[in-house]
C-alpha atoms as a PDB file:
ATOM      1  CA  UNK A   1       9.471   2.380   3.070  1.00  0.00           C
ATOM      2  CA  UNK A   2       9.656   3.604   6.657  1.00  0.00           C
ATOM      3  CA  UNK A   3       6.851   6.102   6.022  1.00  0.00           C
ATOM      4  CA  UNK A   4       4.696   3.320   4.642  1.00  0.00           C
ATOM      5  CA  UNK A   5       5.351   1.036   7.596  1.00  0.00           C
ATOM      6  CA  UNK A   6       4.426   3.856   9.982  1.00  0.00           C
ATOM      7  CA  UNK A   7       1.224   4.714   8.106  1.00  0.00           C
ATOM      8  CA  UNK A   8      -0.189   1.198   8.064  1.00  0.00           C
ATOM      9  CA  UNK A   9      -1.468  -0.408  11.246  1.00  0.00           C
ATOM     10  CA  UNK A  10       0.714  -2.976  12.958  1.00  0.00           C
ATOM     11  CA  UNK A  11      -0.742  -6.297  11.861  1.00  0.00           C
ATOM     12  CA  UNK A  12       0.717  -9.689  11.025  1.00  0.00           C
ATOM     13  CA  UNK A  13      -1.339  -9.884   7.810  1.00  0.00           C
ATOM     14  CA  UNK A  14       0.765  -7.460   5.786  1.00  0.00           C
ATOM     15  CA  UNK A  15       4.410  -6.757   5.037  1.00  0.00           C
ATOM     16  CA  UNK A  16       6.396  -4.158   3.096  1.00  0.00           C
ATOM     17  CA  UNK A  17       9.613  -5.058   1.284  1.00  0.00           C
ATOM     18  CA  UNK A  18      11.857  -3.311  -1.191  1.00  0.00           C
ATOM     19  CA  UNK A  19      13.635  -5.611  -3.593  1.00  0.00           C
ATOM     20  CA  UNK A  20      15.513  -4.864  -6.802  1.00  0.00           C
ATOM     21  CA  UNK A  21      14.116  -1.333  -6.890  1.00  0.00           C
ATOM     22  CA  UNK A  22      10.500  -2.471  -6.507  1.00  0.00           C
ATOM     23  CA  UNK A  23       8.372  -1.783  -3.456  1.00  0.00           C
ATOM     24  CA  UNK A  24       6.190  -4.755  -2.515  1.00  0.00           C
ATOM     25  CA  UNK A  25       3.160  -4.603  -0.247  1.00  0.00           C
ATOM     26  CA  UNK A  26       1.910  -8.074   0.637  1.00  0.00           C
ATOM     27  CA  UNK A  27      -1.283  -9.047   2.385  1.00  0.00           C
ATOM     28  CA  UNK A  28      -2.166 -12.509   3.644  1.00  0.00           C
ATOM     29  CA  UNK A  29      -5.708 -12.831   4.837  1.00  0.00           C
ATOM     30  CA  UNK A  30      -9.289 -13.510   3.873  1.00  0.00           C
ATOM     31  CA  UNK A  31     -10.760 -10.030   4.277  1.00  0.00           C
ATOM     32  CA  UNK A  32     -11.106  -8.183   0.988  1.00  0.00           C
ATOM     33  CA  UNK A  33     -12.110  -5.015   2.818  1.00  0.00           C
ATOM     34  CA  UNK A  34      -9.052  -5.069   5.061  1.00  0.00           C
ATOM     35  CA  UNK A  35      -6.750  -5.641   2.067  1.00  0.00           C
ATOM     36  CA  UNK A  36      -8.438  -2.768   0.235  1.00  0.00           C
ATOM     37  CA  UNK A  37      -8.013  -0.474   3.254  1.00  0.00           C
ATOM     38  CA  UNK A  38      -4.287  -1.305   3.381  1.00  0.00           C
ATOM     39  CA  UNK A  39      -3.898  -0.575  -0.332  1.00  0.00           C
ATOM     40  CA  UNK A  40      -5.664   2.759  -0.034  1.00  0.00           C
ATOM     41  CA  UNK A  41      -3.622   3.779   3.021  1.00  0.00           C
ATOM     42  CA  UNK A  42      -0.424   2.790   1.214  1.00  0.00           C
ATOM     43  CA  UNK A  43      -1.392   4.807  -1.858  1.00  0.00           C
ATOM     44  CA  UNK A  44      -2.253   7.891   0.220  1.00  0.00           C
ATOM     45  CA  UNK A  45       1.177   7.642   1.861  1.00  0.00           C
ATOM     46  CA  UNK A  46       3.191   6.965  -1.303  1.00  0.00           C
ATOM     47  CA  UNK A  47       1.479   9.352  -3.690  1.00  0.00           C
ATOM     48  CA  UNK A  48       2.992  12.573  -2.288  1.00  0.00           C
ATOM     49  CA  UNK A  49       6.427  10.940  -2.140  1.00  0.00           C
ATOM     50  CA  UNK A  50       6.185   9.939  -5.798  1.00  0.00           C
ATOM     51  CA  UNK A  51       4.949  13.406  -6.819  1.00  0.00           C
ATOM     52  CA  UNK A  52       2.281  11.856  -9.036  1.00  0.00           C
ATOM     53  CA  UNK A  53      -0.846  13.704  -9.947  1.00  0.00           C
ATOM     54  CA  UNK A  54      -4.275  12.273 -10.247  1.00  0.00           C
ATOM     55  CA  UNK A  55      -6.349   9.890  -8.257  1.00  0.00           C
ATOM     56  CA  UNK A  56      -6.037   6.245  -7.503  1.00  0.00           C
ATOM     57  CA  UNK A  57      -4.639   3.821 -10.102  1.00  0.00           C
ATOM     58  CA  UNK A  58      -7.170   3.014 -12.834  1.00  0.00           C
ATOM     59  CA  UNK A  59      -6.724  -0.730 -12.317  1.00  0.00           C
ATOM     60  CA  UNK A  60      -8.506  -0.369  -8.967  1.00  0.00           C
ATOM     61  CA  UNK A  61     -11.734   0.518 -10.774  1.00  0.00           C
ATOM     62  CA  UNK A  62     -11.993  -2.825 -12.566  1.00  0.00           C
END
């Protein structure tokens, strides 16, 4: 969680929380592009820590 907080820019529109074993990334704002940028930055940070292979989650292509 600390790595994720360091990777994302300091902004009041987003927050990172870990609760009941689930990592939550929340965004409150009206900019789809900014939310998308945060999601991509979070994924690039978390992917090596999770040791997953492959690209971005398929749900993002819908």
